[in-house]
Protein backbone atom coordinates (compact mmCIF):
# COMPACT_ATOMS: atom_id res chain seq x y z
CA UNK A 1 0.05 -0.03 -0.03
CA UNK A 2 1.47 3.39 -1.03
CA UNK A 3 1.17 6.47 1.06
CA UNK A 4 -1.74 8.76 -0.14
CA UNK A 5 -1.33 12.34 1.18
CA UNK A 6 -4.97 12.90 0.68
CA UNK A 7 -5.64 10.37 3.45
CA UNK A 8 -3.25 12.15 5.96
CA UNK A 9 -5.23 14.42 8.29
CA UNK A 10 -3.44 17.01 10.41
CA UNK A 11 -5.16 17.66 13.66
CA UNK A 12 -2.55 19.85 15.27
CA UNK A 13 0.79 21.43 14.37
CA UNK A 14 3.24 23.75 16.03
CA UNK A 15 6.74 24.93 15.18
CA UNK A 16 9.54 26.87 17.00
CA UNK A 17 12.46 28.45 15.29
CA UNK A 18 15.80 28.25 17.16
CA UNK A 19 18.29 30.26 15.21
CA UNK A 20 18.83 28.45 11.87
CA UNK A 21 16.90 25.33 13.05
CA UNK A 22 13.20 24.88 13.16
CA UNK A 23 11.31 22.07 15.16
CA UNK A 24 7.98 21.05 14.10
CA UNK A 25 5.46 18.80 16.17
CA UNK A 26 2.39 17.59 14.47
CA UNK A 27 -0.55 15.33 15.52
CA UNK A 28 -1.59 13.40 12.33
CA UNK A 29 -4.12 10.66 11.47
CA UNK A 30 -3.79 8.48 8.44
CA UNK A 31 -6.87 6.94 6.71
CA UNK A 32 -9.00 7.53 9.90
CA UNK A 33 -6.56 5.67 12.15
CA UNK A 34 -5.22 6.50 15.46
CA UNK A 35 -3.73 10.01 16.05
CA UNK A 36 0.20 9.96 16.21
CA UNK A 37 2.81 12.58 16.85
CA UNK A 38 5.19 13.46 14.09
CA UNK A 39 8.42 15.29 14.95
CA UNK A 40 10.50 17.13 12.18
CA UNK A 41 13.40 19.37 11.98
CA UNK A 42 14.24 21.88 9.30
CA UNK A 43 17.60 23.80 8.82
CA UNK A 44 17.78 27.06 7.15
CA UNK A 45 20.17 27.12 4.11
CA UNK A 46 20.39 30.32 1.97
CA UNK A 47 17.21 31.66 3.55
CA UNK A 48 15.30 28.38 2.48
CA UNK A 49 14.12 25.92 5.16
CA UNK A 50 15.18 22.31 4.15
CA UNK A 51 14.20 19.11 5.84
CA UNK A 52 16.91 17.46 8.04
CA UNK A 53 17.09 14.44 10.22
CA UNK A 54 16.20 15.05 13.84
CA UNK A 55 19.25 13.38 15.21
CA UNK A 56 20.90 14.76 18.15
CA UNK A 57 19.32 17.70 20.22
CA UNK A 58 21.00 20.36 22.19
CA UNK A 59 19.82 20.85 25.72
CA UNK A 60 17.65 24.01 24.65
CA UNK A 61 16.04 22.10 21.71
CA UNK A 62 15.18 19.18 24.03
CA UNK A 63 13.57 21.56 26.50
CA UNK A 64 11.61 23.21 23.73
CA UNK A 65 10.70 19.80 22.25
CA UNK A 66 9.30 18.56 25.64
CA UNK A 67 6.96 21.60 25.94
CA UNK A 68 5.78 21.14 22.33
CA UNK A 69 5.11 17.41 22.96
CA UNK A 70 3.03 18.08 25.97
CA UNK A 71 1.06 20.74 23.90
CA UNK A 72 0.59 18.05 21.07
CA UNK A 73 -0.68 15.44 23.61
CA UNK A 74 -3.57 17.53 24.44
CA UNK A 75 -4.73 17.21 20.86
CA UNK A 76 -4.74 13.31 21.06
CA UNK A 77 -7.58 10.97 21.85
């Protein structure tokens, strides 16, 4: 079964910029399934935001991410 973006429902999303890095936390459902949290990172290169692996986090990034996750959990069933 291939991924169909039309079946992907976004319930909640928040993002925080930390210098040249942006963390994104979203709550999504696929094809009416269970709500799940998605965590993404984007890095700024030449004024353009580009996807990057989440990888390792600084202490500040981890503190911000914990707060974002708590907020996302409030939007889950």
